[in-house]
Amino acid sequence: MFTGIIKFKPNDQMLFNRENILMEDDKTLQEYGITMASAKAQAPCQLGLALRTSSGEFEILEMTPYSAPPDLPEVMKNTEASNGQEQA
C-alpha cells in the first residue's frame, strides 16, 4: 500500500473506505469503485488509514479532512459538461 511513503509494513496498515469499512488486502482499489474516473482532483476519494502502534494494537481510525479541492475553473466546467466536445 503506502509502505514506501510512511515506512510501515503492509501488515501494520489497515485501509478503510469512506463508510469506515475495512478494505480487504486482496482487492484492488478498482474493485471498490475507486478509479481515475471516480476520484478526480475536484472530487477526491476519501480513504482512512490506521497504523499498528508499538503496543501491537491498531490506532483508532479518525477521518480528518486536510484540504478541500478548489472550485473548478470555468473552462474545465464546460469541458466536463460536454464530455470533451466543444460547445457551440
N, C-alpha and C. Protein backbone atom coordinates (compact mmCIF):
# COMPACT_ATOMS: atom_id res chain seq x y z
N MET A 1 0.82 -1.19 0.00
CA MET A 1 0.00 0.00 0.00
C MET A 1 0.86 1.25 0.00
N PHE A 2 1.13 1.76 1.18
CA PHE A 2 1.85 3.02 1.32
C PHE A 2 3.21 2.85 1.97
N THR A 3 3.74 1.64 1.94
CA THR A 3 4.96 1.31 2.66
C THR A 3 6.12 2.24 2.34
N GLY A 4 6.33 2.56 1.09
CA GLY A 4 7.44 3.42 0.71
C GLY A 4 7.33 4.84 1.22
N ILE A 5 6.12 5.28 1.47
CA ILE A 5 5.89 6.66 1.92
C ILE A 5 5.94 6.76 3.44
N ILE A 6 5.25 5.87 4.13
CA ILE A 6 5.10 6.00 5.58
C ILE A 6 5.99 5.06 6.39
N LYS A 7 6.68 4.15 5.74
CA LYS A 7 7.63 3.24 6.39
C LYS A 7 6.98 2.28 7.39
N PHE A 8 5.73 1.89 7.13
CA PHE A 8 5.06 0.85 7.90
C PHE A 8 4.85 -0.34 6.98
N LYS A 9 5.08 -1.54 7.49
CA LYS A 9 4.88 -2.74 6.69
C LYS A 9 3.39 -2.90 6.37
N PRO A 10 3.06 -3.56 5.26
CA PRO A 10 1.65 -3.74 4.89
C PRO A 10 0.80 -4.39 5.99
N ASN A 11 1.36 -5.34 6.74
CA ASN A 11 0.55 -5.98 7.79
C ASN A 11 0.36 -5.07 9.01
N ASP A 12 0.99 -3.90 9.00
CA ASP A 12 0.82 -2.91 10.06
C ASP A 12 -0.08 -1.76 9.60
N GLN A 13 -0.80 -1.96 8.50
CA GLN A 13 -1.68 -0.94 7.95
C GLN A 13 -3.08 -1.52 7.73
N MET A 14 -4.09 -0.70 7.97
CA MET A 14 -5.47 -1.07 7.62
C MET A 14 -6.06 0.11 6.85
N LEU A 15 -6.64 -0.19 5.70
CA LEU A 15 -7.23 0.84 4.84
C LEU A 15 -8.75 0.73 4.92
N PHE A 16 -9.41 1.87 5.08
CA PHE A 16 -10.86 1.92 5.21
C PHE A 16 -11.46 2.79 4.12
N ASN A 17 -12.69 2.46 3.71
CA ASN A 17 -13.38 3.32 2.74
C ASN A 17 -14.07 4.45 3.50
N ARG A 18 -14.78 5.31 2.77
CA ARG A 18 -15.39 6.49 3.40
C ARG A 18 -16.48 6.14 4.40
N GLU A 19 -17.01 4.92 4.35
CA GLU A 19 -18.02 4.47 5.31
C GLU A 19 -17.37 3.78 6.52
N ASN A 20 -16.06 3.89 6.64
CA ASN A 20 -15.28 3.27 7.72
C ASN A 20 -15.34 1.75 7.71
N ILE A 21 -15.49 1.16 6.53
CA ILE A 21 -15.48 -0.29 6.38
C ILE A 21 -14.08 -0.71 5.95
N LEU A 22 -13.52 -1.69 6.65
CA LEU A 22 -12.18 -2.18 6.35
C LEU A 22 -12.13 -2.75 4.94
N MET A 23 -11.16 -2.30 4.16
CA MET A 23 -10.98 -2.79 2.79
C MET A 23 -10.05 -4.01 2.84
N GLU A 24 -10.37 -5.02 2.06
CA GLU A 24 -9.61 -6.27 2.06
C GLU A 24 -8.30 -6.12 1.29
N ASP A 25 -7.25 -6.74 1.81
CA ASP A 25 -5.92 -6.64 1.21
C ASP A 25 -5.85 -7.24 -0.18
N ASP A 26 -6.65 -8.27 -0.45
CA ASP A 26 -6.54 -8.96 -1.74
C ASP A 26 -7.37 -8.30 -2.84
N LYS A 27 -8.00 -7.19 -2.56
CA LYS A 27 -8.78 -6.48 -3.58
C LYS A 27 -8.06 -5.20 -3.99
N THR A 28 -8.27 -4.81 -5.23
CA THR A 28 -7.69 -3.57 -5.73
C THR A 28 -8.64 -2.41 -5.45
N LEU A 29 -8.12 -1.20 -5.54
CA LEU A 29 -8.98 -0.02 -5.37
C LEU A 29 -10.08 -0.01 -6.42
N GLN A 30 -9.76 -0.47 -7.61
CA GLN A 30 -10.76 -0.52 -8.68
C GLN A 30 -11.94 -1.43 -8.30
N GLU A 31 -11.66 -2.52 -7.60
CA GLU A 31 -12.73 -3.41 -7.17
C GLU A 31 -13.67 -2.74 -6.16
N TYR A 32 -13.21 -1.68 -5.55
CA TYR A 32 -14.04 -0.90 -4.63
C TYR A 32 -14.65 0.31 -5.33
N GLY A 33 -14.49 0.40 -6.64
CA GLY A 33 -15.07 1.51 -7.40
C GLY A 33 -14.23 2.77 -7.39
N ILE A 34 -12.98 2.66 -6.97
CA ILE A 34 -12.10 3.82 -6.92
C ILE A 34 -11.19 3.78 -8.15
N THR A 35 -11.47 4.66 -9.09
CA THR A 35 -10.71 4.71 -10.34
C THR A 35 -10.33 6.16 -10.64
N MET A 36 -9.57 6.35 -11.70
CA MET A 36 -9.22 7.70 -12.13
C MET A 36 -10.47 8.48 -12.53
N ALA A 37 -11.48 7.79 -13.00
CA ALA A 37 -12.72 8.46 -13.41
C ALA A 37 -13.57 8.86 -12.20
N SER A 38 -13.50 8.08 -11.12
CA SER A 38 -14.35 8.38 -9.97
C SER A 38 -13.65 9.23 -8.90
N ALA A 39 -12.33 9.25 -8.90
CA ALA A 39 -11.57 10.02 -7.91
C ALA A 39 -10.72 11.05 -8.64
N LYS A 40 -11.30 12.22 -8.81
CA LYS A 40 -10.62 13.30 -9.53
C LYS A 40 -10.20 14.39 -8.55
N ALA A 41 -9.37 15.29 -9.01
CA ALA A 41 -8.90 16.38 -8.15
C ALA A 41 -10.07 17.20 -7.61
N GLN A 42 -11.09 17.41 -8.42
CA GLN A 42 -12.23 18.22 -7.98
C GLN A 42 -13.23 17.41 -7.16
N ALA A 43 -13.10 16.10 -7.14
CA ALA A 43 -13.98 15.22 -6.35
C ALA A 43 -13.14 14.05 -5.84
N PRO A 44 -12.25 14.31 -4.87
CA PRO A 44 -11.33 13.26 -4.42
C PRO A 44 -12.04 12.14 -3.67
N CYS A 45 -11.38 11.01 -3.66
CA CYS A 45 -11.86 9.83 -2.93
C CYS A 45 -11.37 9.95 -1.49
N GLN A 46 -12.20 9.58 -0.55
CA GLN A 46 -11.82 9.63 0.85
C GLN A 46 -11.49 8.22 1.33
N LEU A 47 -10.28 8.05 1.87
CA LEU A 47 -9.84 6.78 2.43
C LEU A 47 -9.32 7.03 3.84
N GLY A 48 -9.38 6.00 4.66
CA GLY A 48 -8.82 6.10 6.00
C GLY A 48 -7.70 5.10 6.17
N LEU A 49 -6.66 5.48 6.87
CA LEU A 49 -5.51 4.61 7.10
C LEU A 49 -5.26 4.53 8.60
N ALA A 50 -5.29 3.33 9.15
CA ALA A 50 -4.96 3.10 10.55
C ALA A 50 -3.66 2.30 10.60
N LEU A 51 -2.78 2.67 11.52
CA LEU A 51 -1.48 2.02 11.64
C LEU A 51 -1.38 1.30 12.98
N ARG A 52 -0.58 0.22 12.96
CA ARG A 52 -0.36 -0.54 14.19
C ARG A 52 0.61 0.26 15.08
N THR A 53 0.26 0.39 16.35
CA THR A 53 1.10 1.12 17.29
C THR A 53 2.16 0.19 17.87
N SER A 54 3.06 0.74 18.67
CA SER A 54 4.12 -0.06 19.28
C SER A 54 3.58 -1.11 20.25
N SER A 55 2.34 -0.92 20.73
CA SER A 55 1.73 -1.91 21.63
C SER A 55 1.15 -3.10 20.88
N GLY A 56 1.14 -3.02 19.54
CA GLY A 56 0.61 -4.11 18.72
C GLY A 56 -0.83 -3.93 18.31
N GLU A 57 -1.50 -2.94 18.87
CA GLU A 57 -2.89 -2.64 18.52
C GLU A 57 -2.93 -1.60 17.40
N PHE A 58 -4.02 -1.61 16.65
CA PHE A 58 -4.18 -0.58 15.63
C PHE A 58 -4.76 0.67 16.27
N GLU A 59 -4.29 1.82 15.80
CA GLU A 59 -4.82 3.08 16.29
C GLU A 59 -6.30 3.21 15.91
N ILE A 60 -7.03 4.02 16.63
CA ILE A 60 -8.43 4.27 16.32
C ILE A 60 -8.48 5.14 15.06
N LEU A 61 -9.31 4.72 14.12
CA LEU A 61 -9.41 5.46 12.86
C LEU A 61 -10.09 6.80 13.10
N GLU A 62 -9.45 7.84 12.60
CA GLU A 62 -10.02 9.18 12.67
C GLU A 62 -9.90 9.80 11.29
N MET A 63 -11.04 10.08 10.67
CA MET A 63 -11.04 10.68 9.33
C MET A 63 -10.95 12.20 9.50
N THR A 64 -9.81 12.76 9.17
CA THR A 64 -9.58 14.19 9.30
C THR A 64 -9.37 14.78 7.91
N PRO A 65 -10.29 15.64 7.46
CA PRO A 65 -10.07 16.27 6.16
C PRO A 65 -8.93 17.30 6.27
N TYR A 66 -7.94 17.15 5.43
CA TYR A 66 -6.81 18.06 5.46
C TYR A 66 -6.95 19.21 4.48
N SER A 67 -7.69 18.99 3.42
CA SER A 67 -7.90 20.07 2.46
C SER A 67 -9.14 19.77 1.65
N ALA A 68 -9.67 20.80 1.07
CA ALA A 68 -10.82 20.66 0.17
C ALA A 68 -10.38 21.16 -1.20
N PRO A 69 -10.83 20.49 -2.23
CA PRO A 69 -10.43 20.93 -3.57
C PRO A 69 -11.02 22.29 -3.89
N PRO A 70 -10.28 23.10 -4.62
CA PRO A 70 -10.82 24.41 -5.02
C PRO A 70 -11.90 24.24 -6.08
N ASP A 71 -12.69 25.28 -6.27
CA ASP A 71 -13.68 25.25 -7.34
C ASP A 71 -12.98 25.12 -8.68
N LEU A 72 -13.63 24.42 -9.59
CA LEU A 72 -13.07 24.25 -10.93
C LEU A 72 -13.10 25.57 -11.69
N PRO A 73 -12.08 25.82 -12.49
CA PRO A 73 -12.14 26.98 -13.38
C PRO A 73 -13.28 26.78 -14.39
N GLU A 74 -13.84 27.86 -14.86
CA GLU A 74 -14.97 27.80 -15.79
C GLU A 74 -14.64 26.96 -17.02
N VAL A 75 -13.41 27.04 -17.50
CA VAL A 75 -13.00 26.29 -18.69
C VAL A 75 -13.16 24.79 -18.47
N MET A 76 -12.79 24.31 -17.30
CA MET A 76 -12.90 22.88 -17.01
C MET A 76 -14.35 22.46 -16.81
N LYS A 77 -15.17 23.33 -16.25
CA LYS A 77 -16.59 23.00 -16.06
C LYS A 77 -17.25 22.78 -17.41
N ASN A 78 -16.96 23.62 -18.38
CA ASN A 78 -17.54 23.47 -19.72
C ASN A 78 -17.06 22.18 -20.37
N THR A 79 -15.81 21.82 -20.16
CA THR A 79 -15.27 20.59 -20.74
C THR A 79 -15.96 19.37 -20.16
N GLU A 80 -16.15 19.35 -18.85
CA GLU A 80 -16.81 18.20 -18.22
C GLU A 80 -18.26 18.10 -18.66
N ALA A 81 -18.94 19.23 -18.78
CA ALA A 81 -20.36 19.21 -19.16
C ALA A 81 -20.56 18.68 -20.57
N SER A 82 -19.60 18.92 -21.44
CA SER A 82 -19.74 18.48 -22.83
C SER A 82 -18.97 17.21 -23.12
N ASN A 83 -18.38 16.60 -22.09
CA ASN A 83 -17.58 15.38 -22.26
C ASN A 83 -16.44 15.56 -23.24
N GLY A 84 -15.80 16.72 -23.17
CA GLY A 84 -14.65 16.96 -24.01
C GLY A 84 -14.96 17.50 -25.40
N GLN A 85 -16.22 17.68 -25.73
CA GLN A 85 -16.58 18.21 -27.04
C GLN A 85 -16.80 19.71 -26.93
N GLU A 86 -16.40 20.44 -27.94
CA GLU A 86 -16.57 21.88 -27.92
C GLU A 86 -18.05 22.23 -27.99
N GLN A 87 -18.40 23.31 -27.27
CA GLN A 87 -19.77 23.77 -27.31
C GLN A 87 -19.93 24.86 -28.35
N ALA A 88 -21.13 24.95 -28.93
CA ALA A 88 -21.39 25.97 -29.96
C ALA A 88 -21.67 27.30 -29.35
